[in-house]
């Protein structure tokens, strides 16, 4: 059974909040507490795919995968996670089950947006 985990991007603090620091309220969604005990919500939540890259690193939505020069963003599309890339002739995507064996997480679209462009 797949482990259900999330992480969130804190736009104000420019940091990734990991699963252990997140709290969930059905009415308010995900939030975390700052150093003053004040909670703050998140708009950018990423789900763990249940898969790891070739180095054993967990793969989340929004991660950027690479193999050599080829780079792709992990997205949730049509009830599955895929690695999507831009190429000279359009866009392409791969199912993560095969991709994870050769790809590695090199960053994410929030902390490293220039990696995918």
Protein backbone atom coordinates (compact mmCIF):
# COMPACT_ATOMS: atom_id res chain seq x y z
CA UNK A 1 0.00 0.00 0.00
CA UNK A 2 1.29 3.46 -0.93
CA UNK A 3 2.39 5.79 1.85
CA UNK A 4 0.35 9.03 1.80
CA UNK A 5 2.55 12.06 2.52
CA UNK A 6 2.61 15.71 1.56
CA UNK A 7 4.93 18.68 1.63
CA UNK A 8 4.20 22.36 1.08
CA UNK A 9 6.00 25.39 -0.31
CA UNK A 10 6.07 28.43 1.99
CA UNK A 11 6.14 31.31 -0.50
CA UNK A 12 6.65 33.93 2.21
CA UNK A 13 9.54 32.15 3.91
CA UNK A 14 10.88 30.66 0.64
CA UNK A 15 11.21 27.21 2.19
CA UNK A 16 9.85 23.70 1.80
CA UNK A 17 7.79 22.47 4.74
CA UNK A 18 8.12 18.71 5.10
CA UNK A 19 5.37 16.23 5.95
CA UNK A 20 6.27 16.03 9.65
CA UNK A 21 5.73 19.77 10.12
CA UNK A 22 2.36 19.94 8.34
CA UNK A 23 -1.00 19.82 10.07
CA UNK A 24 -4.38 19.35 8.44
CA UNK A 25 -7.79 20.75 9.26
CA UNK A 26 -10.72 19.64 7.13
CA UNK A 27 -12.07 23.19 7.08
CA UNK A 28 -8.77 25.04 6.58
CA UNK A 29 -6.62 22.62 4.63
CA UNK A 30 -2.90 22.27 5.35
CA UNK A 31 -1.08 24.64 7.65
CA UNK A 32 2.03 24.85 9.85
CA UNK A 33 3.05 26.92 12.85
CA UNK A 34 5.77 29.55 12.74
CA UNK A 35 8.30 30.17 15.52
CA UNK A 36 5.75 32.39 17.32
CA UNK A 37 3.09 29.68 17.39
CA UNK A 38 0.99 31.40 14.71
CA UNK A 39 -0.37 29.05 12.09
CA UNK A 40 -0.21 29.86 8.39
CA UNK A 41 -1.92 28.09 5.46
CA UNK A 42 -0.46 26.81 2.20
CA UNK A 43 -1.68 27.00 -1.36
CA UNK A 44 1.10 24.94 -2.91
CA UNK A 45 0.77 21.39 -1.61
CA UNK A 46 2.64 18.49 -3.20
CA UNK A 47 1.82 14.81 -2.76
CA UNK A 48 4.37 12.02 -2.45
CA UNK A 49 4.13 9.70 -5.47
CA UNK A 50 4.99 6.61 -3.44
CA UNK A 51 8.11 6.15 -5.58
CA UNK A 52 11.81 6.85 -5.13
CA UNK A 53 14.40 7.87 -7.70
CA UNK A 54 17.49 5.86 -8.64
CA UNK A 55 19.25 7.15 -5.51
CA UNK A 56 16.41 6.29 -3.14
CA UNK A 57 15.13 9.89 -2.80
CA UNK A 58 11.35 10.26 -2.48
CA UNK A 59 9.64 11.71 -5.58
CA UNK A 60 6.96 14.38 -5.00
CA UNK A 61 4.71 16.38 -7.29
CA UNK A 62 6.65 19.44 -8.44
CA UNK A 63 10.01 17.67 -8.35
CA UNK A 64 12.34 17.97 -11.31
CA UNK A 65 13.79 14.69 -12.57
CA UNK A 66 16.85 14.41 -14.78
CA UNK A 67 18.81 11.90 -16.75
CA UNK A 68 21.73 13.52 -18.48
CA UNK A 69 20.43 16.54 -20.38
CA UNK A 70 16.79 15.46 -20.24
CA UNK A 71 14.73 17.12 -17.46
CA UNK A 72 11.07 16.71 -16.54
CA UNK A 73 8.62 18.00 -13.93
CA UNK A 74 6.54 15.54 -11.90
CA UNK A 75 2.83 16.33 -12.29
CA UNK A 76 -0.46 14.63 -11.49
CA UNK A 77 -2.43 14.02 -14.70
CA UNK A 78 -5.41 11.79 -15.45
CA UNK A 79 -5.29 9.85 -12.16
CA UNK A 80 -1.54 9.17 -12.22
CA UNK A 81 1.79 10.88 -11.67
CA UNK A 82 3.85 11.57 -14.77
CA UNK A 83 7.16 13.20 -15.64
CA UNK A 84 6.45 15.94 -18.21
CA UNK A 85 9.07 17.69 -20.31
CA UNK A 86 9.30 20.36 -22.97
CA UNK A 87 11.16 19.60 -26.16
CA UNK A 88 11.77 21.36 -29.46
CA UNK A 89 8.88 19.46 -31.02
CA UNK A 90 6.35 19.94 -28.19
CA UNK A 91 5.78 18.28 -24.86
CA UNK A 92 6.18 14.72 -23.77
CA UNK A 93 5.53 12.67 -20.68
CA UNK A 94 6.47 9.38 -19.13
CA UNK A 95 4.84 7.20 -16.54
CA UNK A 96 6.90 7.38 -13.35
CA UNK A 97 7.04 3.63 -12.81
CA UNK A 98 9.62 3.24 -15.57
CA UNK A 99 11.21 6.68 -15.18
CA UNK A 100 12.23 6.28 -11.55
CA UNK A 101 14.80 3.58 -12.34
CA UNK A 102 17.01 5.90 -14.36
CA UNK A 103 16.04 9.39 -13.22
CA UNK A 104 17.14 11.37 -10.20
CA UNK A 105 15.51 14.25 -8.34
CA UNK A 106 17.63 17.36 -8.95
CA UNK A 107 15.32 19.95 -7.39
CA UNK A 108 11.76 21.21 -7.51
CA UNK A 109 9.86 23.91 -9.38
CA UNK A 110 9.63 26.20 -6.34
CA UNK A 111 13.23 26.23 -5.09
CA UNK A 112 14.83 25.69 -8.52
CA UNK A 113 12.46 27.02 -11.23
CA UNK A 114 15.34 27.69 -13.64
CA UNK A 115 16.19 23.97 -13.86
CA UNK A 116 13.15 23.15 -15.99
CA UNK A 117 13.14 26.15 -18.35
